[in-house]
C-alpha atoms as a PDB file:
ATOM      1  CA  MET A   1     -80.988-250.924  -4.754  1.00  0.00           C
ATOM      2  CA  VAL A   2     -82.395-248.192  -2.867  1.00  0.00           C
ATOM      3  CA  ILE A   3     -84.417-248.353   0.261  1.00  0.00           C
ATOM      4  CA  SER A   4     -86.627-245.531   2.086  1.00  0.00           C
ATOM      5  CA  GLN A   5     -84.735-244.117   5.149  1.00  0.00           C
ATOM      6  CA  ARG A   6     -85.750-244.703   8.876  1.00  0.00           C
ATOM      7  CA  ILE A   7     -85.011-242.668  11.808  1.00  0.00           C
ATOM      8  CA  TYR A   8     -84.400-244.533  15.219  1.00  0.00           C
ATOM      9  CA  HIS A   9     -84.296-243.054  18.581  1.00  0.00           C
ATOM     10  CA  VAL A  10     -81.916-245.091  21.314  1.00  0.00           C
ATOM     11  CA  LYS A  11     -80.624-244.263  24.741  1.00  0.00           C
ATOM     12  CA  GLY A  12     -80.916-240.404  23.913  1.00  0.00           C
ATOM     13  CA  LEU A  13     -79.429-240.830  20.249  1.00  0.00           C
ATOM     14  CA  GLN A  14     -81.175-240.194  17.296  1.00  0.00           C
ATOM     15  CA  TYR A  15     -79.594-241.791  14.023  1.00  0.00           C
ATOM     16  CA  THR A  16     -80.845-242.495  10.432  1.00  0.00           C
ATOM     17  CA  ILE A  17     -80.386-245.388   8.135  1.00  0.00           C
ATOM     18  CA  ARG A  18     -80.557-244.814   4.469  1.00  0.00           C
ATOM     19  CA  SER A  19     -79.021-245.799   1.448  1.00  0.00           C
ATOM     20  CA  ALA A  20     -75.697-244.725   0.400  1.00  0.00           C
ATOM     21  CA  ALA A  21     -75.689-241.914  -1.962  1.00  0.00           C
ATOM     22  CA  THR A  22     -72.772-241.107  -4.371  1.00  0.00           C
ATOM     23  CA  SER A  23     -72.109-237.580  -2.403  1.00  0.00           C
ATOM     24  CA  ASP A  24     -71.260-240.061   0.454  1.00  0.00           C
ATOM     25  CA  ALA A  25     -68.199-241.147  -1.132  1.00  0.00           C
ATOM     26  CA  GLY A  26     -65.496-239.020   0.370  1.00  0.00           C
ATOM     27  CA  GLU A  27     -66.843-239.308   3.835  1.00  0.00           C
ATOM     28  CA  LEU A  28     -66.988-242.997   3.344  1.00  0.00           C
ATOM     29  CA  SER A  29     -63.492-243.188   2.245  1.00  0.00           C
ATOM     30  CA  HIS A  30     -61.937-241.467   5.467  1.00  0.00           C
ATOM     31  CA  LEU A  31     -64.406-243.392   7.549  1.00  0.00           C
ATOM     32  CA  ARG A  32     -63.205-246.688   6.094  1.00  0.00           C
ATOM     33  CA  VAL A  33     -59.820-245.904   7.428  1.00  0.00           C
ATOM     34  CA  GLN A  34     -60.981-244.566  10.680  1.00  0.00           C
ATOM     35  CA  LEU A  35     -62.910-247.872  11.528  1.00  0.00           C
ATOM     36  CA  ASP A  36     -60.224-250.171  10.432  1.00  0.00           C
ATOM     37  CA  GLY A  37     -58.033-248.829  13.463  1.00  0.00           C
ATOM     38  CA  GLU A  38     -60.730-249.195  15.851  1.00  0.00           C
ATOM     39  CA  THR A  39     -61.149-252.822  15.701  1.00  0.00           C
ATOM     40  CA  LYS A  40     -59.384-255.997  15.114  1.00  0.00           C
ATOM     41  CA  TYR A  41     -62.778-257.455  14.043  1.00  0.00           C
ATOM     42  CA  LEU A  42     -62.533-256.093  10.308  1.00  0.00           C
ATOM     43  CA  ASP A  43     -60.564-257.622   7.655  1.00  0.00           C
ATOM     44  CA  ARG A  44     -58.204-254.805   6.859  1.00  0.00           C
ATOM     45  CA  GLU A  45     -55.219-253.293   9.005  1.00  0.00           C
ATOM     46  CA  PRO A  46     -55.510-249.326   9.010  1.00  0.00           C
ATOM     47  CA  GLY A  47     -54.806-247.818   5.429  1.00  0.00           C
ATOM     48  CA  GLU A  48     -54.935-251.146   3.865  1.00  0.00           C
ATOM     49  CA  GLY A  49     -57.092-251.768   0.943  1.00  0.00           C
ATOM     50  CA  TYR A  50     -57.804-248.010   0.889  1.00  0.00           C
ATOM     51  CA  MET A  51     -60.665-246.754  -1.445  1.00  0.00           C
ATOM     52  CA  ASP A  52     -60.756-243.113  -2.418  1.00  0.00           C
ATOM     53  CA  LYS A  53     -63.592-240.992  -3.165  1.00  0.00           C
ATOM     54  CA  ALA A  54     -63.676-241.886  -6.749  1.00  0.00           C
ATOM     55  CA  GLU A  55     -63.676-245.734  -5.971  1.00  0.00           C
ATOM     56  CA  PHE A  56     -66.296-245.293  -3.391  1.00  0.00           C
ATOM     57  CA  GLU A  57     -68.448-243.453  -6.017  1.00  0.00           C
ATOM     58  CA  LYS A  58     -68.250-246.192  -8.345  1.00  0.00           C
ATOM     59  CA  LEU A  59     -69.062-248.787  -5.412  1.00  0.00           C
ATOM     60  CA  ILE A  60     -72.389-246.874  -4.736  1.00  0.00           C
ATOM     61  CA  GLN A  61     -73.427-246.327  -8.126  1.00  0.00           C
ATOM     62  CA  ARG A  62     -72.832-249.988  -8.697  1.00  0.00           C
ATOM     63  CA  ASP A  63     -74.798-251.033  -5.763  1.00  0.00           C
ATOM     64  CA  THR A  64     -77.807-248.243  -6.187  1.00  0.00           C
ATOM     65  CA  GLU A  65     -78.238-249.860  -9.732  1.00  0.00           C
ATOM     66  CA  SER A  66     -78.167-253.697  -9.052  1.00  0.00           C
ATOM     67  CA  GLU A  67     -81.009-255.358  -7.624  1.00  0.00           C
ATOM     68  CA  ARG A  68     -78.624-257.904  -5.944  1.00  0.00           C
ATOM     69  CA  ASN A  69     -76.767-255.056  -3.929  1.00  0.00           C
ATOM     70  CA  LEU A  70     -77.594-252.973  -1.032  1.00  0.00           C
ATOM     71  CA  PHE A  71     -75.335-250.299   0.773  1.00  0.00           C
ATOM     72  CA  LEU A  72     -76.607-248.746   3.713  1.00  0.00           C
ATOM     73  CA  VAL A  73     -75.397-245.937   5.739  1.00  0.00           C
ATOM     74  CA  THR A  74     -75.755-244.623   9.290  1.00  0.00           C
ATOM     75  CA  VAL A  75     -76.023-240.973   9.942  1.00  0.00           C
ATOM     76  CA  VAL A  76     -75.631-239.263  13.122  1.00  0.00           C
ATOM     77  CA  HIS A  77     -75.592-235.505  13.675  1.00  0.00           C
ATOM     78  CA  SER A  78     -75.182-235.023   9.856  1.00  0.00           C
ATOM     79  CA  ARG A  79     -72.197-237.546   9.957  1.00  0.00           C
ATOM     80  CA  ILE A  80     -71.905-241.006   8.471  1.00  0.00           C
ATOM     81  CA  ILE A  81     -70.580-243.319  11.525  1.00  0.00           C
ATOM     82  CA  GLY A  82     -71.361-246.610  10.090  1.00  0.00           C
ATOM     83  CA  TYR A  83     -72.368-248.634   7.100  1.00  0.00           C
ATOM     84  CA  SER A  84     -73.270-252.281   5.678  1.00  0.00           C
ATOM     85  CA  ARG A  85     -73.501-253.809   2.450  1.00  0.00           C
ATOM     86  CA  CYS A  86     -74.888-257.057   0.890  1.00  0.00           C
ATOM     87  CA  GLU A  87     -73.351-257.828  -2.060  1.00  0.00           C
ATOM     88  CA  GLY A  88     -74.829-260.187  -4.578  1.00  0.00           C
ATOM     89  CA  ASN A  89     -73.478-262.366  -7.570  1.00  0.00           C
ATOM     90  CA  GLU A  90     -74.440-262.076 -11.289  1.00  0.00           C
ATOM     91  CA  LEU A  91     -73.736-265.758 -11.902  1.00  0.00           C
ATOM     92  CA  LYS A  92     -76.750-267.980 -11.912  1.00  0.00           C
ATOM     93  CA  ARG A  93     -75.496-270.423  -9.626  1.00  0.00           C
ATOM     94  CA  PHE A  94     -74.852-267.847  -6.932  1.00  0.00           C
ATOM     95  CA  SER A  95     -77.441-265.429  -7.939  1.00  0.00           C
ATOM     96  CA  HIS A  96     -79.777-266.857  -4.957  1.00  0.00           C
ATOM     97  CA  LYS A  97     -77.440-265.224  -1.959  1.00  0.00           C
ATOM     98  CA  VAL A  98     -75.820-262.286  -0.978  1.00  0.00           C
ATOM     99  CA  GLU A  99     -72.744-261.610   1.443  1.00  0.00           C
ATOM    100  CA  PHE A 100     -73.352-259.371   4.178  1.00  0.00           C
ATOM    101  CA  GLY A 101     -70.845-257.204   6.222  1.00  0.00           C
ATOM    102  CA  VAL A 102     -71.217-254.326   8.740  1.00  0.00           C
ATOM    103  CA  CYS A 103     -69.117-251.838  10.414  1.00  0.00           C
ATOM    104  CA  VAL A 104     -69.842-248.973  12.914  1.00  0.00           C
ATOM    105  CA  ALA A 105     -67.583-246.161  14.749  1.00  0.00           C
ATOM    106  CA  LYS A 106     -66.568-247.099  18.211  1.00  0.00           C
ATOM    107  CA  GLU A 107     -67.890-244.217  19.800  1.00  0.00           C
ATOM    108  CA  CYS A 108     -71.435-245.530  18.594  1.00  0.00           C
ATOM    109  CA  TRP A 109     -71.155-248.808  19.618  1.00  0.00           C
ATOM    110  CA  GLY A 110     -74.128-249.869  22.298  1.00  0.00           C
ATOM    111  CA  TYR A 111     -77.181-248.131  20.325  1.00  0.00           C
ATOM    112  CA  GLY A 112     -78.052-251.032  18.434  1.00  0.00           C
ATOM    113  CA  ILE A 113     -76.895-249.560  15.135  1.00  0.00           C
ATOM    114  CA  GLY A 114     -75.186-252.868  13.809  1.00  0.00           C
ATOM    115  CA  LYS A 115     -78.307-254.665  14.751  1.00  0.00           C
ATOM    116  CA  GLU A 116     -80.711-252.150  12.808  1.00  0.00           C
ATOM    117  CA  LEU A 117     -78.356-252.476   9.809  1.00  0.00           C
ATOM    118  CA  LEU A 118     -78.576-256.194   9.682  1.00  0.00           C
ATOM    119  CA  GLN A 119     -82.431-256.153  10.145  1.00  0.00           C
ATOM    120  CA  GLN A 120     -82.564-253.791   7.508  1.00  0.00           C
ATOM    121  CA  SER A 121     -80.552-256.179   5.275  1.00  0.00           C
ATOM    122  CA  ILE A 122     -82.376-259.257   6.079  1.00  0.00           C
ATOM    123  CA  SER A 123     -85.603-257.477   5.365  1.00  0.00           C
ATOM    124  CA  TRP A 124     -84.389-256.134   2.081  1.00  0.00           C
ATOM    125  CA  ALA A 125     -82.883-259.885   1.285  1.00  0.00           C
ATOM    126  CA  ASP A 126     -86.293-261.396   1.772  1.00  0.00           C
ATOM    127  CA  ARG A 127     -88.223-258.972  -0.429  1.00  0.00           C
ATOM    128  CA  ALA A 128     -85.516-259.476  -3.139  1.00  0.00           C
ATOM    129  CA  GLY A 129     -86.023-262.701  -3.147  1.00  0.00           C
ATOM    130  CA  MET A 130     -82.566-263.920  -1.850  1.00  0.00           C
ATOM    131  CA  LYS A 131     -82.517-267.384  -0.395  1.00  0.00           C
ATOM    132  CA  LYS A 132     -79.472-267.160   1.545  1.00  0.00           C
ATOM    133  CA  MET A 133     -77.347-264.653   3.250  1.00  0.00           C
ATOM    134  CA  THR A 134     -73.778-265.264   4.385  1.00  0.00           C
ATOM    135  CA  LEU A 135     -71.224-263.409   6.437  1.00  0.00           C
ATOM    136  CA  ASN A 136     -67.643-264.029   7.956  1.00  0.00           C
ATOM    137  CA  VAL A 137     -66.812-263.249  11.571  1.00  0.00           C
ATOM    138  CA  LEU A 138     -63.911-263.604  13.735  1.00  0.00           C
ATOM    139  CA  GLU A 139     -64.375-266.376  16.067  1.00  0.00           C
ATOM    140  CA  THR A 140     -63.535-264.216  19.189  1.00  0.00           C
ATOM    141  CA  ASN A 141     -66.177-261.670  18.201  1.00  0.00           C
ATOM    142  CA  LYS A 142     -68.772-263.716  20.448  1.00  0.00           C
ATOM    143  CA  LYS A 143     -71.157-260.799  20.620  1.00  0.00           C
ATOM    144  CA  ALA A 144     -71.659-260.453  16.964  1.00  0.00           C
ATOM    145  CA  ILE A 145     -71.960-264.138  16.741  1.00  0.00           C
ATOM    146  CA  SER A 146     -74.723-264.322  19.196  1.00  0.00           C
ATOM    147  CA  LEU A 147     -76.269-261.524  17.543  1.00  0.00           C
ATOM    148  CA  TYR A 148     -76.375-263.166  14.214  1.00  0.00           C
ATOM    149  CA  GLU A 149     -77.582-266.361  15.450  1.00  0.00           C
ATOM    150  CA  LYS A 150     -80.690-264.309  17.212  1.00  0.00           C
ATOM    151  CA  PHE A 151     -81.426-263.373  13.320  1.00  0.00           C
ATOM    152  CA  GLY A 152     -81.210-267.082  12.136  1.00  0.00           C
ATOM    153  CA  PHE A 153     -77.828-267.259  11.129  1.00  0.00           C
ATOM    154  CA  GLU A 154     -76.184-270.705  11.835  1.00  0.00           C
ATOM    155  CA  VAL A 155     -72.654-271.519  11.576  1.00  0.00           C
ATOM    156  CA  GLU A 156     -71.514-273.302   8.316  1.00  0.00           C
ATOM    157  CA  GLY A 157     -68.211-273.803   8.968  1.00  0.00           C
ATOM    158  CA  VAL A 158     -64.681-272.482  10.515  1.00  0.00           C
ATOM    159  CA  LEU A 159     -61.555-271.373   8.397  1.00  0.00           C
ATOM    160  CA  LYS A 160     -58.808-272.275  10.804  1.00  0.00           C
ATOM    161  CA  ASN A 161     -55.870-269.854  11.192  1.00  0.00           C
ATOM    162  CA  ASP A 162     -57.669-267.871   8.724  1.00  0.00           C
ATOM    163  CA  LYS A 163     -56.479-264.083   9.759  1.00  0.00           C
ATOM    164  CA  LEU A 164     -53.197-263.057  10.916  1.00  0.00           C
ATOM    165  CA  LEU A 165     -53.837-260.003  13.235  1.00  0.00           C
ATOM    166  CA  SER A 166     -51.332-257.356  14.470  1.00  0.00           C
ATOM    167  CA  ASP A 167     -50.528-259.155  17.548  1.00  0.00           C
ATOM    168  CA  GLY A 168     -48.803-262.225  15.223  1.00  0.00           C
ATOM    169  CA  LYS A 169     -51.571-264.552  16.312  1.00  0.00           C
ATOM    170  CA  TYR A 170     -53.798-266.371  13.883  1.00  0.00           C
ATOM    171  CA  TYR A 171     -57.617-266.523  14.304  1.00  0.00           C
ATOM    172  CA  ASN A 172     -60.316-268.820  13.038  1.00  0.00           C
ATOM    173  CA  THR A 173     -63.074-267.275  10.953  1.00  0.00           C
ATOM    174  CA  VAL A 174     -66.708-268.550  11.348  1.00  0.00           C
ATOM    175  CA  VAL A 175     -68.769-268.797   8.386  1.00  0.00           C
ATOM    176  CA  MET A 176     -72.375-268.288   8.913  1.00  0.00           C
ATOM    177  CA  GLY A 177     -75.579-268.565   6.788  1.00  0.00           C
ATOM    178  CA  ARG A 178     -79.150-267.688   6.959  1.00  0.00           C
ATOM    179  CA  PHE A 179     -81.708-269.231   4.734  1.00  0.00           C
ATOM    180  CA  ALA A 180     -85.141-267.626   3.726  1.00  0.00           C
END
């Protein structure tokens, strides 16, 4: 699915949120590796699950053509600094819901970019008739959990010892859902 771009001005920073285009694929491939190294809150260690330009092109094309998927990017000074995805399912029993994920470059934290990506995704999901949005968040990411709760997400469960981080410790994953 494709949405119209929107421009934001926050604390002296101008950024644009728009649908991903296949021409973004190379930049997204590099950004994903960078983001994985900036925080423990994402699923991958740096370099794991690498997606090259061609793989991103296919993903963006599929998301653009699907009524159940949405791939958004955030652009600052002509550079992509973050993205989010909503991924639906073609199976009838799951066709009412999408899974949401988001990541923003550390240099741009604190400008409400993740919040706006979430808001845009929720608005799209509501317009698309999705009855449920789901997401997973590391239990120690209290700031993100608080944000999700403000947007109507509720805790549906906890996956105990779900992730083994580079510090050698296991962490719980919180499963959250928002119902339309």
